[in-house]
C-alpha atoms as a PDB file:
ATOM      1  CA  MET A   1       0.000   0.000   0.000  1.00  0.00           C
ATOM      2  CA  ASP A   2       1.528   3.311  -1.019  1.00  0.00           C
ATOM      3  CA  ALA A   3       1.259   6.604   0.882  1.00  0.00           C
ATOM      4  CA  GLU A   4      -1.660   7.866  -1.212  1.00  0.00           C
ATOM      5  CA  GLU A   5      -3.691   4.702  -0.595  1.00  0.00           C
ATOM      6  CA  MET A   6      -2.938   4.897   3.128  1.00  0.00           C
ATOM      7  CA  LEU A   7      -4.092   8.515   3.212  1.00  0.00           C
ATOM      8  CA  ARG A   8      -7.322   7.659   1.387  1.00  0.00           C
ATOM      9  CA  GLN A   9      -7.983   4.828   3.839  1.00  0.00           C
ATOM     10  CA  GLN A  10      -7.371   7.134   6.820  1.00  0.00           C
ATOM     11  CA  ILE A  11      -9.726   9.760   5.392  1.00  0.00           C
ATOM     12  CA  ALA A  12     -12.416   7.140   4.782  1.00  0.00           C
ATOM     13  CA  GLU A  13     -12.055   5.812   8.338  1.00  0.00           C
ATOM     14  CA  GLN A  14     -12.259   9.331   9.786  1.00  0.00           C
ATOM     15  CA  GLY A  15     -15.390   9.998   7.731  1.00  0.00           C
ATOM     16  CA  GLU A  16     -17.000   6.822   9.058  1.00  0.00           C
ATOM     17  CA  MET A  17     -16.102   7.778  12.621  1.00  0.00           C
ATOM     18  CA  ILE A  18     -17.591  11.270  12.231  1.00  0.00           C
ATOM     19  CA  SER A  19     -20.734   9.771  10.701  1.00  0.00           C
ATOM     20  CA  THR A  20     -21.018   7.247  13.545  1.00  0.00           C
ATOM     21  CA  ASN A  21     -20.573   9.977  16.156  1.00  0.00           C
ATOM     22  CA  LEU A  22     -23.234  12.144  14.508  1.00  0.00           C
ATOM     23  CA  LEU A  23     -25.626   9.204  14.312  1.00  0.00           C
ATOM     24  CA  THR A  24     -25.063   8.425  17.994  1.00  0.00           C
ATOM     25  CA  GLU A  25     -25.665  12.062  18.939  1.00  0.00           C
ATOM     26  CA  LEU A  26     -28.873  12.182  16.894  1.00  0.00           C
ATOM     27  CA  GLY A  27     -30.083   8.922  18.437  1.00  0.00           C
ATOM     28  CA  ASN A  28     -29.317  10.106  21.956  1.00  0.00           C
ATOM     29  CA  ARG A  29     -31.128  13.375  21.301  1.00  0.00           C
ATOM     30  CA  ALA A  30     -34.181  11.534  19.961  1.00  0.00           C
ATOM     31  CA  VAL A  31     -34.212   9.327  23.081  1.00  0.00           C
ATOM     32  CA  ALA A  32     -33.915  12.375  25.356  1.00  0.00           C
ATOM     33  CA  MET A  33     -36.824  13.990  23.503  1.00  0.00           C
ATOM     34  CA  GLY A  34     -38.922  10.848  23.968  1.00  0.00           C
ATOM     35  CA  LEU A  35     -39.165  10.247  20.212  1.00  0.00           C
ATOM     36  CA  ILE A  36     -37.568   6.793  20.224  1.00  0.00           C
ATOM     37  CA  ALA A  37     -36.934   4.179  22.903  1.00  0.00           C
ATOM     38  CA  GLY A  38     -33.438   3.170  21.790  1.00  0.00           C
ATOM     39  CA  HIS A  39     -30.900   2.954  18.994  1.00  0.00           C
ATOM     40  CA  GLY A  40     -27.581   1.387  17.991  1.00  0.00           C
ATOM     41  CA  PHE A  41     -25.701  -0.693  15.459  1.00  0.00           C
ATOM     42  CA  HIS A  42     -26.918  -4.254  15.010  1.00  0.00           C
ATOM     43  CA  GLY A  43     -25.421  -6.611  12.455  1.00  0.00           C
ATOM     44  CA  GLY A  44     -24.040  -3.858  10.225  1.00  0.00           C
ATOM     45  CA  ARG A  45     -27.335  -1.969  10.182  1.00  0.00           C
ATOM     46  CA  TYR A  46     -28.617   0.767  12.474  1.00  0.00           C
ATOM     47  CA  GLU A  47     -31.476  -0.235  14.737  1.00  0.00           C
ATOM     48  CA  ILE A  48     -34.071   2.245  15.951  1.00  0.00           C
ATOM     49  CA  LEU A  49     -36.734   1.243  18.469  1.00  0.00           C
ATOM     50  CA  ARG A  50     -39.848   3.347  18.133  1.00  0.00           C
ATOM     51  CA  GLN A  51     -43.423   2.786  19.283  1.00  0.00           C
ATOM     52  CA  GLY A  52     -42.816  -0.909  19.926  1.00  0.00           C
ATOM     53  CA  GLU A  53     -41.344  -1.485  16.476  1.00  0.00           C
ATOM     54  CA  VAL A  54     -37.785  -2.264  15.423  1.00  0.00           C
ATOM     55  CA  MET A  55     -36.466  -0.461  12.367  1.00  0.00           C
ATOM     56  CA  LEU A  56     -33.245  -1.659  10.703  1.00  0.00           C
ATOM     57  CA  LEU A  57     -31.787   0.990   8.409  1.00  0.00           C
ATOM     58  CA  SER A  58     -28.499   1.751   6.735  1.00  0.00           C
ATOM     59  CA  PRO A  59     -26.515   4.354   8.693  1.00  0.00           C
ATOM     60  CA  GLN A  60     -27.333   6.967   6.034  1.00  0.00           C
ATOM     61  CA  GLU A  61     -31.056   6.163   6.158  1.00  0.00           C
ATOM     62  CA  ALA A  62     -31.006   6.248   9.961  1.00  0.00           C
ATOM     63  CA  GLN A  63     -29.288   9.630   9.984  1.00  0.00           C
ATOM     64  CA  SER A  64     -31.880  11.112   7.620  1.00  0.00           C
ATOM     65  CA  TYR A  65     -34.739   9.501   9.546  1.00  0.00           C
ATOM     66  CA  LEU A  66     -33.534  10.826  12.903  1.00  0.00           C
ATOM     67  CA  GLN A  67     -32.836  14.311  11.537  1.00  0.00           C
ATOM     68  CA  ASP A  68     -36.338  14.466  10.049  1.00  0.00           C
ATOM     69  CA  LEU A  69     -37.943  13.081  13.214  1.00  0.00           C
ATOM     70  CA  ILE A  70     -36.197  15.635  15.422  1.00  0.00           C
ATOM     71  CA  ALA A  71     -36.920  18.525  13.051  1.00  0.00           C
ATOM     72  CA  GLU A  72     -40.602  17.575  12.831  1.00  0.00           C
ATOM     73  CA  SER A  73     -40.973  17.421  16.604  1.00  0.00           C
ATOM     74  CA  GLU A  74     -39.397  20.867  16.993  1.00  0.00           C
ATOM     75  CA  LYS A  75     -42.017  22.549  14.789  1.00  0.00           C
END
């Protein structure tokens, strides 16, 4: 692996970490607001527990869902 490939890998890993941190923050905020009962990664997908139902989404879908849910409740 050359230096450029290593740099690309590091950037990709940092992007994933930032995305994971944002998703965790959004999930925690939604729990604190009483919008969902729980959240977290499960088998490579992101699990959201809401109104007695389990939703398994991709991390990107979960981020959009949580952002929309929080925004809607703040209206």
